Amino acid sequence: MQQPFDIRLGDKDYAVFPEGNDVYVIFKDGKEYLSIQKDTDLQWIKLDAETGTPIFETDDEINNIGREILAYVPEEDDEEELEEDKD
């Protein structure tokens, strides 16, 4: 599974924790902010915090976070650590 990583949108930093099955828990300002799931490359869905059910609303921030998740490339050091963990 992919390791957690950070992204930046404008002046905001987000920590991204992959949960599997295209679901990600997003932290903003050090606090759990929301969970999102990939629908398509351009469309992401917010998940209800209590039930985990999809909330089908268009949200530019969520789609921008999703775009950054797809664009994220692990740094070389991160990839080396992953290889070491497999051994």
Protein backbone atom coordinates (compact mmCIF):
# COMPACT_ATOMS: atom_id res chain seq x y z
CA MET A 1 0.00 0.00 0.00
CA GLN A 2 1.13 3.54 -0.68
CA GLN A 3 2.67 5.47 2.21
CA PRO A 4 1.16 8.74 3.53
CA PHE A 5 2.36 11.90 1.81
CA ASP A 6 1.81 15.65 1.78
CA ILE A 7 0.38 17.89 -0.91
CA ARG A 8 -0.05 21.65 -1.16
CA LEU A 9 -2.94 23.58 -2.72
CA GLY A 10 -2.46 27.32 -2.74
CA ASP A 11 -1.41 28.23 0.79
CA LYS A 12 -2.87 25.10 2.43
CA ASP A 13 -0.99 21.90 3.27
CA TYR A 14 -2.76 18.57 3.36
CA ALA A 15 -1.55 15.19 4.63
CA VAL A 16 -2.89 12.29 2.57
CA PHE A 17 -3.29 8.82 4.06
CA PRO A 18 -4.17 6.13 1.50
CA GLU A 19 -6.67 3.61 2.86
CA GLY A 20 -6.91 1.32 -0.20
CA ASN A 21 -9.64 0.96 -2.84
CA ASP A 22 -9.02 4.55 -4.01
CA VAL A 23 -10.06 5.93 -0.60
CA TYR A 24 -7.93 8.58 1.10
CA VAL A 25 -8.16 10.23 4.52
CA ILE A 26 -7.16 13.88 4.30
CA PHE A 27 -5.75 15.92 7.18
CA LYS A 28 -5.73 19.73 7.07
CA ASP A 29 -3.98 21.91 9.65
CA GLY A 30 -3.01 18.78 11.58
CA LYS A 31 -6.60 17.56 12.05
CA GLU A 32 -8.62 14.94 10.23
CA TYR A 33 -10.52 16.89 7.61
CA LEU A 34 -12.36 14.45 5.35
CA SER A 35 -12.28 11.18 3.45
CA ILE A 36 -12.49 11.07 -0.32
CA GLN A 37 -12.79 8.36 -2.95
CA LYS A 38 -11.78 8.42 -6.58
CA ASP A 39 -14.71 8.25 -8.99
CA THR A 40 -12.85 9.22 -12.17
CA ASP A 41 -9.54 10.99 -12.75
CA LEU A 42 -11.39 14.31 -12.73
CA GLN A 43 -14.18 13.55 -10.25
CA TRP A 44 -13.71 12.67 -6.59
CA ILE A 45 -16.39 11.95 -4.00
CA LYS A 46 -16.49 13.06 -0.38
CA LEU A 47 -17.42 10.33 2.09
CA ASP A 48 -19.70 11.00 5.05
CA ALA A 49 -17.55 11.15 8.20
CA GLU A 50 -19.90 9.00 10.29
CA THR A 51 -21.25 6.44 7.82
CA GLY A 52 -18.61 6.38 5.06
CA THR A 53 -21.33 6.69 2.43
CA PRO A 54 -20.65 8.82 -0.65
CA ILE A 55 -21.92 12.40 -0.75
CA PHE A 56 -22.55 13.22 -4.39
CA GLU A 57 -21.86 16.95 -4.54
CA THR A 58 -19.44 18.69 -6.86
CA ASP A 59 -16.69 20.21 -4.74
CA ASP A 60 -13.74 21.97 -6.39
CA GLU A 61 -11.48 21.59 -3.34
CA ILE A 62 -12.04 17.82 -3.25
CA ASN A 63 -11.44 17.50 -6.99
CA ASN A 64 -8.25 19.60 -6.69
CA ILE A 65 -7.01 17.41 -3.83
CA GLY A 66 -7.74 14.34 -5.97
CA ARG A 67 -5.86 15.83 -8.91
CA GLU A 68 -2.82 16.37 -6.66
CA ILE A 69 -3.09 12.80 -5.34
CA LEU A 70 -2.95 11.46 -8.89
CA ALA A 71 -0.03 13.75 -9.75
CA TYR A 72 1.97 12.79 -6.66
CA VAL A 73 5.22 10.95 -7.35
CA PRO A 74 7.04 9.54 -4.31
CA GLU A 75 10.48 10.98 -3.70
CA GLU A 76 13.40 8.67 -4.41
CA ASP A 77 14.10 8.20 -0.68
CA ASP A 78 10.50 7.05 -0.17
CA GLU A 79 10.84 4.45 -2.93
CA GLU A 80 14.07 3.12 -1.41
CA GLU A 81 12.38 2.74 1.98
CA LEU A 82 9.54 0.81 0.34
CA GLU A 83 12.05 -1.58 -1.27
CA GLU A 84 13.78 -2.09 2.08
CA ASP A 85 10.45 -2.85 3.76
CA LYS A 86 9.79 -5.65 1.25
CA ASP A 87 13.03 -7.47 2.16
